[in-house]
Amino acid sequence: MCEPKLHIVDDDEAIRDAMGWLFQSRNVPVASWPSAEAFLVDYDPAMTGCLLLDIRMEGMSGLELFDRLTAMGCRMPVLFLTGHGDVPIAVSALKKGARDFVEKPFNDNDLVDRVIEALAFDAGERARQAGQAGVAARLATLTQRERQVMGLVVAGKLNKVIADELGISMRTVEVHRAHVFEKMGVKTAVELARILAAVG
């Protein structure tokens, strides 16, 4: 996975340079592109961090780039830089899933704070998704019977009731329950319920 960073796409070289200096002074790694087209050439789904897009650029606009990236499954949070007249467009972008928009001229500290929040959000989302993938992988190791037992355990049923419902001995239920806990990496039914709830 690529290093998390701020990806700036703006066709104004002076703004790119100024923002590059601003973010580097706050220890935020930065990469920048002079156009949406140039960014698309370099885009890699493994990129992490967040995007700061100018709405109005020569060629493809920031909004068009956002639409293209969304269609490609890009999950990085997107912030838009907007002029005063672009606010309705930016609000429309928020409805499509953009994280934020910042009006020019912007306050340096406010912009950096918003970007740092977006970077933290991206890191948190990726950690959550990795956790979900780990739970899904553990679930895949369960046998059909272990899944049945797990469902009844999470429903709060006692071993005797589970044994009666499944037509098996209580000892067999205990063995399956132990296997489920071991495979899922939990010690209690409450812990099991919590991780299952987290993955829906």
N, C-alpha and C. Protein backbone atom coordinates (compact mmCIF):
# COMPACT_ATOMS: atom_id res chain seq x y z
N MET A 1 0.85 -1.19 0.00
CA MET A 1 0.00 0.00 0.00
C MET A 1 0.89 1.24 0.00
N CYS A 2 0.45 2.27 -0.73
CA CYS A 2 1.22 3.51 -0.83
C CYS A 2 1.18 4.29 0.48
N GLU A 3 2.19 5.14 0.66
CA GLU A 3 2.24 6.01 1.84
C GLU A 3 1.05 6.97 1.81
N PRO A 4 0.32 7.13 2.94
CA PRO A 4 -0.79 8.08 2.97
C PRO A 4 -0.26 9.50 2.75
N LYS A 5 -0.91 10.23 1.86
CA LYS A 5 -0.47 11.61 1.61
C LYS A 5 -1.62 12.42 1.04
N LEU A 6 -1.39 13.72 1.00
CA LEU A 6 -2.33 14.63 0.35
C LEU A 6 -1.99 14.68 -1.13
N HIS A 7 -2.98 14.42 -1.96
CA HIS A 7 -2.82 14.46 -3.42
C HIS A 7 -3.51 15.73 -3.91
N ILE A 8 -2.72 16.71 -4.36
CA ILE A 8 -3.26 17.99 -4.82
C ILE A 8 -3.35 17.99 -6.35
N VAL A 9 -4.54 18.34 -6.86
CA VAL A 9 -4.71 18.47 -8.31
C VAL A 9 -5.22 19.88 -8.58
N ASP A 10 -4.34 20.73 -9.16
CA ASP A 10 -4.68 22.13 -9.40
C ASP A 10 -3.85 22.61 -10.59
N ASP A 11 -4.49 23.32 -11.53
CA ASP A 11 -3.75 23.75 -12.72
C ASP A 11 -2.97 25.05 -12.51
N ASP A 12 -3.03 25.62 -11.30
CA ASP A 12 -2.30 26.85 -10.99
C ASP A 12 -0.99 26.47 -10.27
N GLU A 13 0.12 26.62 -10.98
CA GLU A 13 1.42 26.21 -10.43
C GLU A 13 1.75 26.93 -9.13
N ALA A 14 1.42 28.24 -9.05
CA ALA A 14 1.71 29.01 -7.84
C ALA A 14 0.96 28.44 -6.64
N ILE A 15 -0.29 28.05 -6.86
CA ILE A 15 -1.09 27.48 -5.76
C ILE A 15 -0.53 26.12 -5.36
N ARG A 16 -0.16 25.31 -6.35
CA ARG A 16 0.42 23.99 -6.03
C ARG A 16 1.68 24.17 -5.20
N ASP A 17 2.54 25.09 -5.60
CA ASP A 17 3.80 25.32 -4.88
C ASP A 17 3.53 25.82 -3.45
N ALA A 18 2.62 26.78 -3.34
CA ALA A 18 2.32 27.35 -2.02
C ALA A 18 1.73 26.30 -1.09
N MET A 19 0.80 25.47 -1.62
CA MET A 19 0.20 24.44 -0.78
C MET A 19 1.19 23.34 -0.44
N GLY A 20 2.05 23.03 -1.39
CA GLY A 20 3.08 22.03 -1.11
C GLY A 20 3.95 22.46 0.06
N TRP A 21 4.37 23.74 0.02
CA TRP A 21 5.19 24.27 1.11
C TRP A 21 4.41 24.29 2.42
N LEU A 22 3.14 24.73 2.36
CA LEU A 22 2.29 24.81 3.57
C LEU A 22 2.17 23.45 4.24
N PHE A 23 1.83 22.43 3.47
CA PHE A 23 1.59 21.11 4.07
C PHE A 23 2.89 20.46 4.52
N GLN A 24 3.96 20.65 3.78
CA GLN A 24 5.24 20.07 4.21
C GLN A 24 5.70 20.72 5.51
N SER A 25 5.36 22.01 5.70
CA SER A 25 5.75 22.69 6.94
C SER A 25 5.00 22.12 8.14
N ARG A 26 3.87 21.43 7.89
CA ARG A 26 3.10 20.78 8.95
C ARG A 26 3.29 19.26 8.92
N ASN A 27 4.35 18.80 8.24
CA ASN A 27 4.70 17.38 8.17
C ASN A 27 3.62 16.51 7.54
N VAL A 28 2.90 17.08 6.57
CA VAL A 28 1.91 16.30 5.81
C VAL A 28 2.53 15.98 4.46
N PRO A 29 2.77 14.69 4.15
CA PRO A 29 3.34 14.34 2.85
C PRO A 29 2.41 14.78 1.71
N VAL A 30 3.01 15.31 0.64
CA VAL A 30 2.23 15.88 -0.46
C VAL A 30 2.76 15.39 -1.80
N ALA A 31 1.81 15.17 -2.73
CA ALA A 31 2.16 14.98 -4.14
C ALA A 31 1.19 15.87 -4.91
N SER A 32 1.63 16.42 -6.04
CA SER A 32 0.72 17.31 -6.78
C SER A 32 0.78 17.05 -8.28
N TRP A 33 -0.32 17.41 -8.94
CA TRP A 33 -0.48 17.23 -10.39
C TRP A 33 -1.05 18.51 -10.98
N PRO A 34 -0.63 18.85 -12.21
CA PRO A 34 -1.10 20.09 -12.84
C PRO A 34 -2.46 19.97 -13.53
N SER A 35 -3.01 18.74 -13.60
CA SER A 35 -4.30 18.57 -14.27
C SER A 35 -4.94 17.27 -13.82
N ALA A 36 -6.24 17.19 -14.03
CA ALA A 36 -6.97 15.96 -13.72
C ALA A 36 -6.47 14.82 -14.59
N GLU A 37 -6.19 15.15 -15.86
CA GLU A 37 -5.72 14.12 -16.79
C GLU A 37 -4.38 13.54 -16.32
N ALA A 38 -3.49 14.42 -15.84
CA ALA A 38 -2.18 13.94 -15.35
C ALA A 38 -2.35 13.05 -14.13
N PHE A 39 -3.28 13.41 -13.26
CA PHE A 39 -3.51 12.58 -12.08
C PHE A 39 -4.03 11.21 -12.49
N LEU A 40 -4.96 11.17 -13.45
CA LEU A 40 -5.53 9.88 -13.88
C LEU A 40 -4.47 8.96 -14.46
N VAL A 41 -3.49 9.55 -15.14
CA VAL A 41 -2.39 8.73 -15.70
C VAL A 41 -1.64 8.03 -14.57
N ASP A 42 -1.44 8.74 -13.46
CA ASP A 42 -0.66 8.21 -12.34
C ASP A 42 -1.51 7.47 -11.30
N TYR A 43 -2.83 7.59 -11.41
CA TYR A 43 -3.69 7.03 -10.35
C TYR A 43 -3.47 5.53 -10.18
N ASP A 44 -3.38 5.14 -8.92
CA ASP A 44 -3.22 3.73 -8.54
C ASP A 44 -4.25 3.47 -7.44
N PRO A 45 -5.07 2.42 -7.57
CA PRO A 45 -6.07 2.13 -6.53
C PRO A 45 -5.45 1.91 -5.14
N ALA A 46 -4.14 1.65 -5.10
CA ALA A 46 -3.47 1.46 -3.80
C ALA A 46 -3.15 2.79 -3.12
N MET A 47 -3.35 3.91 -3.82
CA MET A 47 -3.08 5.22 -3.20
C MET A 47 -3.95 5.40 -1.96
N THR A 48 -3.35 6.01 -0.92
CA THR A 48 -4.09 6.30 0.30
C THR A 48 -3.89 7.76 0.70
N GLY A 49 -4.74 8.22 1.58
CA GLY A 49 -4.66 9.61 2.03
C GLY A 49 -5.91 10.35 1.66
N CYS A 50 -5.77 11.53 1.03
CA CYS A 50 -6.94 12.27 0.57
C CYS A 50 -6.58 13.12 -0.63
N LEU A 51 -7.61 13.59 -1.32
CA LEU A 51 -7.44 14.41 -2.52
C LEU A 51 -7.93 15.82 -2.27
N LEU A 52 -7.18 16.79 -2.77
CA LEU A 52 -7.61 18.19 -2.73
C LEU A 52 -7.69 18.63 -4.19
N LEU A 53 -8.92 18.82 -4.69
CA LEU A 53 -9.14 19.11 -6.10
C LEU A 53 -9.66 20.53 -6.30
N ASP A 54 -9.06 21.23 -7.28
CA ASP A 54 -9.63 22.51 -7.68
C ASP A 54 -10.85 22.19 -8.54
N ILE A 55 -11.96 22.88 -8.30
CA ILE A 55 -13.17 22.59 -9.09
C ILE A 55 -12.98 23.01 -10.54
N ARG A 56 -12.46 24.21 -10.76
CA ARG A 56 -12.32 24.72 -12.14
C ARG A 56 -10.88 24.60 -12.61
N MET A 57 -10.67 23.78 -13.66
CA MET A 57 -9.35 23.63 -14.25
C MET A 57 -9.49 23.57 -15.76
N GLU A 58 -8.41 23.88 -16.45
CA GLU A 58 -8.40 23.69 -17.90
C GLU A 58 -8.57 22.20 -18.18
N GLY A 59 -9.29 21.88 -19.25
CA GLY A 59 -9.52 20.47 -19.54
C GLY A 59 -10.55 19.90 -18.59
N MET A 60 -10.28 18.73 -18.06
CA MET A 60 -11.22 18.07 -17.15
C MET A 60 -11.31 18.83 -15.83
N SER A 61 -12.52 19.09 -15.38
CA SER A 61 -12.71 19.81 -14.11
C SER A 61 -12.48 18.88 -12.93
N GLY A 62 -12.34 19.48 -11.75
CA GLY A 62 -12.19 18.68 -10.53
C GLY A 62 -13.41 17.82 -10.28
N LEU A 63 -14.58 18.35 -10.63
CA LEU A 63 -15.83 17.61 -10.44
C LEU A 63 -15.88 16.39 -11.36
N GLU A 64 -15.44 16.58 -12.60
CA GLU A 64 -15.41 15.44 -13.54
C GLU A 64 -14.41 14.39 -13.07
N LEU A 65 -13.27 14.84 -12.55
CA LEU A 65 -12.28 13.91 -12.02
C LEU A 65 -12.87 13.12 -10.85
N PHE A 66 -13.57 13.84 -9.96
CA PHE A 66 -14.21 13.19 -8.82
C PHE A 66 -15.18 12.11 -9.30
N ASP A 67 -15.99 12.43 -10.30
CA ASP A 67 -16.95 11.45 -10.84
C ASP A 67 -16.22 10.24 -11.42
N ARG A 68 -15.13 10.48 -12.14
CA ARG A 68 -14.35 9.39 -12.74
C ARG A 68 -13.77 8.49 -11.65
N LEU A 69 -13.18 9.13 -10.62
CA LEU A 69 -12.56 8.35 -9.54
C LEU A 69 -13.60 7.55 -8.76
N THR A 70 -14.76 8.16 -8.53
CA THR A 70 -15.84 7.45 -7.83
C THR A 70 -16.25 6.21 -8.62
N ALA A 71 -16.39 6.37 -9.94
CA ALA A 71 -16.76 5.24 -10.80
C ALA A 71 -15.69 4.16 -10.80
N MET A 72 -14.43 4.56 -10.56
CA MET A 72 -13.32 3.60 -10.52
C MET A 72 -13.17 2.94 -9.15
N GLY A 73 -14.02 3.35 -8.20
CA GLY A 73 -13.97 2.73 -6.87
C GLY A 73 -12.98 3.39 -5.92
N CYS A 74 -12.51 4.60 -6.24
CA CYS A 74 -11.58 5.31 -5.36
C CYS A 74 -12.28 5.64 -4.05
N ARG A 75 -11.64 5.29 -2.92
CA ARG A 75 -12.27 5.51 -1.61
C ARG A 75 -11.62 6.65 -0.84
N MET A 76 -10.60 7.29 -1.42
CA MET A 76 -9.96 8.38 -0.68
C MET A 76 -10.94 9.55 -0.51
N PRO A 77 -10.95 10.17 0.69
CA PRO A 77 -11.79 11.35 0.87
C PRO A 77 -11.35 12.48 -0.07
N VAL A 78 -12.34 13.23 -0.57
CA VAL A 78 -12.07 14.31 -1.51
C VAL A 78 -12.53 15.65 -0.93
N LEU A 79 -11.62 16.63 -0.97
CA LEU A 79 -11.95 18.01 -0.59
C LEU A 79 -11.82 18.85 -1.85
N PHE A 80 -12.73 19.80 -2.03
CA PHE A 80 -12.68 20.68 -3.19
C PHE A 80 -12.24 22.08 -2.79
N LEU A 81 -11.40 22.68 -3.63
CA LEU A 81 -11.07 24.10 -3.52
C LEU A 81 -12.01 24.83 -4.46
N THR A 82 -12.73 25.82 -3.95
CA THR A 82 -13.73 26.49 -4.77
C THR A 82 -13.61 28.01 -4.69
N GLY A 83 -13.96 28.65 -5.80
CA GLY A 83 -14.15 30.10 -5.78
C GLY A 83 -15.56 30.37 -5.28
N HIS A 84 -15.86 31.61 -4.97
CA HIS A 84 -17.16 31.96 -4.39
C HIS A 84 -18.33 31.46 -5.23
N GLY A 85 -18.22 31.63 -6.57
CA GLY A 85 -19.32 31.24 -7.45
C GLY A 85 -19.51 29.75 -7.58
N ASP A 86 -18.56 28.95 -7.06
CA ASP A 86 -18.63 27.49 -7.21
C ASP A 86 -19.31 26.79 -6.04
N VAL A 87 -19.76 27.55 -5.05
CA VAL A 87 -20.31 26.91 -3.86
C VAL A 87 -21.48 25.97 -4.18
N PRO A 88 -22.46 26.36 -5.03
CA PRO A 88 -23.55 25.41 -5.35
C PRO A 88 -23.03 24.11 -5.97
N ILE A 89 -21.98 24.23 -6.80
CA ILE A 89 -21.38 23.03 -7.41
C ILE A 89 -20.75 22.17 -6.32
N ALA A 90 -20.06 22.82 -5.38
CA ALA A 90 -19.40 22.09 -4.29
C ALA A 90 -20.42 21.39 -3.41
N VAL A 91 -21.55 22.05 -3.15
CA VAL A 91 -22.61 21.43 -2.33
C VAL A 91 -23.14 20.19 -3.05
N SER A 92 -23.28 20.30 -4.36
CA SER A 92 -23.72 19.15 -5.16
C SER A 92 -22.71 18.00 -5.04
N ALA A 93 -21.41 18.34 -5.03
CA ALA A 93 -20.36 17.33 -4.89
C ALA A 93 -20.45 16.65 -3.52
N LEU A 94 -20.77 17.41 -2.48
CA LEU A 94 -20.93 16.83 -1.14
C LEU A 94 -22.03 15.78 -1.15
N LYS A 95 -23.11 16.08 -1.86
CA LYS A 95 -24.23 15.12 -1.94
C LYS A 95 -23.82 13.84 -2.65
N LYS A 96 -22.81 13.96 -3.53
CA LYS A 96 -22.31 12.78 -4.25
C LYS A 96 -21.26 12.02 -3.45
N GLY A 97 -20.89 12.55 -2.28
CA GLY A 97 -19.93 11.82 -1.45
C GLY A 97 -18.61 12.52 -1.18
N ALA A 98 -18.41 13.73 -1.72
CA ALA A 98 -17.19 14.46 -1.37
C ALA A 98 -17.19 14.75 0.13
N ARG A 99 -16.02 14.88 0.71
CA ARG A 99 -15.95 15.06 2.16
C ARG A 99 -16.16 16.52 2.58
N ASP A 100 -15.62 17.47 1.80
CA ASP A 100 -15.63 18.86 2.25
C ASP A 100 -15.31 19.77 1.07
N PHE A 101 -15.57 21.06 1.23
CA PHE A 101 -15.07 22.03 0.27
C PHE A 101 -14.56 23.25 1.01
N VAL A 102 -13.55 23.86 0.43
CA VAL A 102 -12.89 25.00 1.05
C VAL A 102 -12.92 26.16 0.06
N GLU A 103 -13.47 27.29 0.51
CA GLU A 103 -13.55 28.46 -0.37
C GLU A 103 -12.24 29.23 -0.41
N LYS A 104 -11.89 29.71 -1.60
CA LYS A 104 -10.75 30.61 -1.75
C LYS A 104 -11.23 32.04 -1.50
N PRO A 105 -10.44 32.92 -0.91
CA PRO A 105 -9.15 32.60 -0.27
C PRO A 105 -9.40 31.85 1.02
N PHE A 106 -8.54 30.90 1.32
CA PHE A 106 -8.75 30.05 2.49
C PHE A 106 -7.77 30.41 3.60
N ASN A 107 -8.15 30.05 4.82
CA ASN A 107 -7.27 30.20 5.98
C ASN A 107 -6.33 28.99 6.01
N ASP A 108 -5.02 29.25 6.02
CA ASP A 108 -4.05 28.15 5.95
C ASP A 108 -4.26 27.10 7.03
N ASN A 109 -4.40 27.55 8.28
CA ASN A 109 -4.54 26.60 9.39
C ASN A 109 -5.81 25.78 9.27
N ASP A 110 -6.90 26.44 8.85
CA ASP A 110 -8.18 25.75 8.67
C ASP A 110 -8.06 24.68 7.60
N LEU A 111 -7.40 25.01 6.49
CA LEU A 111 -7.23 24.05 5.40
C LEU A 111 -6.40 22.85 5.87
N VAL A 112 -5.31 23.13 6.56
CA VAL A 112 -4.45 22.03 7.03
C VAL A 112 -5.23 21.14 8.01
N ASP A 113 -5.99 21.75 8.91
CA ASP A 113 -6.77 20.98 9.88
C ASP A 113 -7.77 20.07 9.16
N ARG A 114 -8.42 20.60 8.14
CA ARG A 114 -9.41 19.79 7.41
C ARG A 114 -8.76 18.63 6.68
N VAL A 115 -7.59 18.89 6.12
CA VAL A 115 -6.86 17.83 5.42
C VAL A 115 -6.39 16.76 6.41
N ILE A 116 -5.89 17.19 7.57
CA ILE A 116 -5.44 16.22 8.59
C ILE A 116 -6.62 15.36 9.05
N GLU A 117 -7.80 15.98 9.20
CA GLU A 117 -9.00 15.21 9.57
C GLU A 117 -9.34 14.18 8.48
N ALA A 118 -9.24 14.60 7.22
CA ALA A 118 -9.54 13.69 6.10
C ALA A 118 -8.54 12.54 6.05
N LEU A 119 -7.26 12.84 6.31
CA LEU A 119 -6.24 11.77 6.33
C LEU A 119 -6.53 10.77 7.45
N ALA A 120 -6.93 11.29 8.62
CA ALA A 120 -7.26 10.41 9.76
C ALA A 120 -8.49 9.57 9.44
N PHE A 121 -9.48 10.19 8.78
CA PHE A 121 -10.69 9.46 8.39
C PHE A 121 -10.33 8.32 7.45
N ASP A 122 -9.48 8.60 6.45
CA ASP A 122 -9.09 7.57 5.49
C ASP A 122 -8.38 6.42 6.19
N ALA A 123 -7.46 6.76 7.11
CA ALA A 123 -6.72 5.72 7.85
C ALA A 123 -7.69 4.87 8.68
N GLY A 124 -8.66 5.52 9.32
CA GLY A 124 -9.64 4.80 10.14
C GLY A 124 -10.51 3.87 9.30
N GLU A 125 -10.95 4.37 8.14
CA GLU A 125 -11.79 3.55 7.25
C GLU A 125 -11.02 2.34 6.74
N ARG A 126 -9.76 2.53 6.40
CA ARG A 126 -8.97 1.41 5.88
C ARG A 126 -8.71 0.37 6.98
N ALA A 127 -8.50 0.84 8.21
CA ALA A 127 -8.32 -0.09 9.33
C ALA A 127 -9.60 -0.88 9.58
N ARG A 128 -10.74 -0.19 9.50
CA ARG A 128 -12.03 -0.86 9.71
C ARG A 128 -12.28 -1.90 8.62
N GLN A 129 -11.97 -1.53 7.37
CA GLN A 129 -12.18 -2.48 6.26
C GLN A 129 -11.25 -3.68 6.37
N ALA A 130 -10.02 -3.43 6.82
CA ALA A 130 -9.08 -4.54 7.01
C ALA A 130 -9.58 -5.47 8.11
N GLY A 131 -10.16 -4.88 9.17
CA GLY A 131 -10.73 -5.68 10.25
C GLY A 131 -11.89 -6.52 9.75
N GLN A 132 -12.74 -5.92 8.90
CA GLN A 132 -13.87 -6.65 8.35
C GLN A 132 -13.40 -7.81 7.48
N ALA A 133 -12.36 -7.55 6.69
CA ALA A 133 -11.82 -8.60 5.83
C ALA A 133 -11.27 -9.74 6.67
N GLY A 134 -10.64 -9.39 7.81
CA GLY A 134 -10.10 -10.42 8.71
C GLY A 134 -11.21 -11.27 9.31
N VAL A 135 -12.30 -10.62 9.72
CA VAL A 135 -13.44 -11.36 10.29
C VAL A 135 -14.05 -12.25 9.22
N ALA A 136 -14.20 -11.72 8.00
CA ALA A 136 -14.77 -12.52 6.91
C ALA A 136 -13.90 -13.75 6.63
N ALA A 137 -12.59 -13.57 6.70
CA ALA A 137 -11.68 -14.71 6.45
C ALA A 137 -11.84 -15.76 7.55
N ARG A 138 -12.01 -15.29 8.80
CA ARG A 138 -12.20 -16.26 9.90
C ARG A 138 -13.55 -16.96 9.78
N LEU A 139 -14.57 -16.22 9.39
CA LEU A 139 -15.89 -16.84 9.20
C LEU A 139 -15.85 -17.94 8.15
N ALA A 140 -15.02 -17.71 7.12
CA ALA A 140 -14.92 -18.68 6.02
C ALA A 140 -14.33 -20.01 6.48
N THR A 141 -13.65 -20.02 7.65
CA THR A 141 -13.06 -21.27 8.14
C THR A 141 -14.06 -22.12 8.92
N LEU A 142 -15.23 -21.56 9.24
CA LEU A 142 -16.22 -22.30 10.02
C LEU A 142 -16.94 -23.33 9.16
N THR A 143 -17.23 -24.48 9.77
CA THR A 143 -18.05 -25.48 9.07
C THR A 143 -19.51 -25.03 9.14
N GLN A 144 -20.36 -25.70 8.37
CA GLN A 144 -21.79 -25.34 8.37
C GLN A 144 -22.38 -25.52 9.78
N ARG A 145 -22.01 -26.60 10.45
CA ARG A 145 -22.54 -26.87 11.80
C ARG A 145 -22.04 -25.80 12.79
N GLU A 146 -20.76 -25.42 12.65
CA GLU A 146 -20.22 -24.39 13.53
C GLU A 146 -20.95 -23.05 13.32
N ARG A 147 -21.33 -22.77 12.08
CA ARG A 147 -22.09 -21.55 11.80
C ARG A 147 -23.47 -21.62 12.46
N GLN A 148 -24.10 -22.79 12.40
CA GLN A 148 -25.41 -22.96 13.04
C GLN A 148 -25.30 -22.72 14.55
N VAL A 149 -24.29 -23.35 15.15
CA VAL A 149 -24.08 -23.20 16.60
C VAL A 149 -23.78 -21.74 16.92
N MET A 150 -22.93 -21.10 16.12
CA MET A 150 -22.57 -19.71 16.35
C MET A 150 -23.82 -18.82 16.34
N GLY A 151 -24.69 -19.02 15.37
CA GLY A 151 -25.91 -18.22 15.27
C GLY A 151 -26.77 -18.33 16.52
N LEU A 152 -26.87 -19.54 17.07
CA LEU A 152 -27.69 -19.76 18.26
C LEU A 152 -26.99 -19.23 19.52
N VAL A 153 -25.66 -19.34 19.56
CA VAL A 153 -24.90 -18.79 20.69
C VAL A 153 -25.09 -17.27 20.75
N VAL A 154 -24.95 -16.62 19.57
CA VAL A 154 -25.09 -15.16 19.50
C VAL A 154 -26.52 -14.74 19.84
N ALA A 155 -27.47 -15.62 19.56
CA ALA A 155 -28.87 -15.32 19.90
C ALA A 155 -29.12 -15.47 21.41
N GLY A 156 -28.08 -15.90 22.15
CA GLY A 156 -28.19 -15.99 23.61
C GLY A 156 -28.74 -17.31 24.13
N LYS A 157 -28.77 -18.32 23.28
CA LYS A 157 -29.34 -19.61 23.70
C LYS A 157 -28.31 -20.44 24.47
N LEU A 158 -28.80 -21.16 25.45
CA LEU A 158 -27.94 -22.03 26.27
C LEU A 158 -27.57 -23.28 25.48
N ASN A 159 -26.46 -23.92 25.89
CA ASN A 159 -25.99 -25.12 25.20
C ASN A 159 -27.06 -26.20 25.12
N LYS A 160 -27.83 -26.37 26.22
CA LYS A 160 -28.86 -27.42 26.24
C LYS A 160 -29.94 -27.13 25.18
N VAL A 161 -30.33 -25.86 25.09
CA VAL A 161 -31.35 -25.47 24.10
C VAL A 161 -30.82 -25.66 22.68
N ILE A 162 -29.56 -25.28 22.48
CA ILE A 162 -28.93 -25.45 21.16
C ILE A 162 -28.90 -26.93 20.78
N ALA A 163 -28.52 -27.77 21.74
CA ALA A 163 -28.47 -29.21 21.51
C ALA A 163 -29.84 -29.74 21.10
N ASP A 164 -30.88 -29.30 21.81
CA ASP A 164 -32.25 -29.75 21.49
C ASP A 164 -32.66 -29.28 20.09
N GLU A 165 -32.37 -28.02 19.78
CA GLU A 165 -32.78 -27.47 18.47
C GLU A 165 -32.08 -28.15 17.31
N LEU A 166 -30.81 -28.50 17.50
CA LEU A 166 -30.04 -29.09 16.41
C LEU A 166 -30.05 -30.62 16.44
N GLY A 167 -30.62 -31.20 17.50
CA GLY A 167 -30.69 -32.66 17.59
C GLY A 167 -29.33 -33.30 17.78
N ILE A 168 -28.48 -32.64 18.57
CA ILE A 168 -27.15 -33.18 18.86
C ILE A 168 -26.94 -33.15 20.37
N SER A 169 -25.87 -33.81 20.83
CA SER A 169 -25.62 -33.85 22.28
C SER A 169 -25.06 -32.52 22.77
N MET A 170 -25.23 -32.28 24.08
CA MET A 170 -24.71 -31.05 24.66
C MET A 170 -23.18 -31.01 24.54
N ARG A 171 -22.56 -32.18 24.68
CA ARG A 171 -21.10 -32.25 24.56
C ARG A 171 -20.65 -31.80 23.17
N THR A 172 -21.39 -32.22 22.14
CA THR A 172 -21.07 -31.83 20.76
C THR A 172 -21.21 -30.31 20.59
N VAL A 173 -22.26 -29.76 21.21
CA VAL A 173 -22.44 -28.30 21.16
C VAL A 173 -21.23 -27.61 21.79
N GLU A 174 -20.79 -28.11 22.93
CA GLU A 174 -19.64 -27.51 23.62
C GLU A 174 -18.39 -27.54 22.75
N VAL A 175 -18.20 -28.67 22.04
CA VAL A 175 -17.03 -28.81 21.15
C VAL A 175 -17.13 -27.78 20.00
N HIS A 176 -18.31 -27.70 19.37
CA HIS A 176 -18.50 -26.75 18.27
C HIS A 176 -18.32 -25.31 18.75
N ARG A 177 -18.88 -25.03 19.92
CA ARG A 177 -18.78 -23.68 20.48
C ARG A 177 -17.31 -23.31 20.72
N ALA A 178 -16.54 -24.25 21.27
CA ALA A 178 -15.11 -24.01 21.52
C ALA A 178 -14.37 -23.76 20.20
N HIS A 179 -14.72 -24.53 19.16
CA HIS A 179 -14.09 -24.34 17.85
C HIS A 179 -14.42 -22.96 17.28
N VAL A 180 -15.69 -22.58 17.42
CA VAL A 180 -16.11 -21.26 16.91
C VAL A 180 -15.32 -20.16 17.61
N PHE A 181 -15.23 -20.21 18.94
CA PHE A 181 -14.53 -19.18 19.70
C PHE A 181 -13.05 -19.14 19.30
N GLU A 182 -12.46 -20.32 19.13
CA GLU A 182 -11.04 -20.38 18.77
C GLU A 182 -10.81 -19.81 17.37
N LYS A 183 -11.63 -20.22 16.40
CA LYS A 183 -11.46 -19.76 15.02
C LYS A 183 -11.74 -18.26 14.89
N MET A 184 -12.70 -17.77 15.66
CA MET A 184 -13.06 -16.34 15.57
C MET A 184 -12.18 -15.47 16.46
N GLY A 185 -11.33 -16.09 17.28
CA GLY A 185 -10.41 -15.33 18.12
C GLY A 185 -11.10 -14.59 19.25
N VAL A 186 -12.13 -15.20 19.84
CA VAL A 186 -12.87 -14.56 20.93
C VAL A 186 -12.91 -15.48 22.14
N LYS A 187 -13.26 -14.89 23.30
CA LYS A 187 -13.36 -15.68 24.53
C LYS A 187 -14.79 -15.76 25.06
N THR A 188 -15.65 -14.84 24.61
CA THR A 188 -17.03 -14.83 25.13
C THR A 188 -18.02 -14.65 23.99
N ALA A 189 -19.28 -15.00 24.27
CA ALA A 189 -20.35 -14.83 23.28
C ALA A 189 -20.59 -13.34 23.01
N VAL A 190 -20.41 -12.51 24.03
CA VAL A 190 -20.60 -11.06 23.86
C VAL A 190 -19.57 -10.50 22.88
N GLU A 191 -18.32 -10.94 23.04
CA GLU A 191 -17.24 -10.50 22.14
C GLU A 191 -17.53 -10.96 20.70
N LEU A 192 -18.03 -12.19 20.58
CA LEU A 192 -18.38 -12.73 19.26
C LEU A 192 -19.49 -11.90 18.62
N ALA A 193 -20.52 -11.59 19.41
CA ALA A 193 -21.64 -10.79 18.91
C ALA A 193 -21.16 -9.42 18.45
N ARG A 194 -20.21 -8.85 19.20
CA ARG A 194 -19.72 -7.51 18.88
C ARG A 194 -19.00 -7.48 17.53
N ILE A 195 -18.12 -8.47 17.29
CA ILE A 195 -17.39 -8.43 16.02
C ILE A 195 -18.29 -8.78 14.84
N LEU A 196 -19.30 -9.61 15.08
CA LEU A 196 -20.23 -9.93 14.00
C LEU A 196 -21.09 -8.71 13.68
N ALA A 197 -21.49 -7.96 14.71
CA ALA A 197 -22.28 -6.75 14.49
C ALA A 197 -21.48 -5.72 13.71
N ALA A 198 -20.17 -5.66 13.97
CA ALA A 198 -19.31 -4.67 13.33
C ALA A 198 -19.20 -4.92 11.82
N VAL A 199 -19.34 -6.19 11.41
CA VAL A 199 -19.26 -6.49 9.97
C VAL A 199 -20.63 -6.66 9.35
N GLY A 200 -21.67 -6.41 10.14
CA GLY A 200 -23.03 -6.46 9.60
C GLY A 200 -23.50 -7.88 9.37
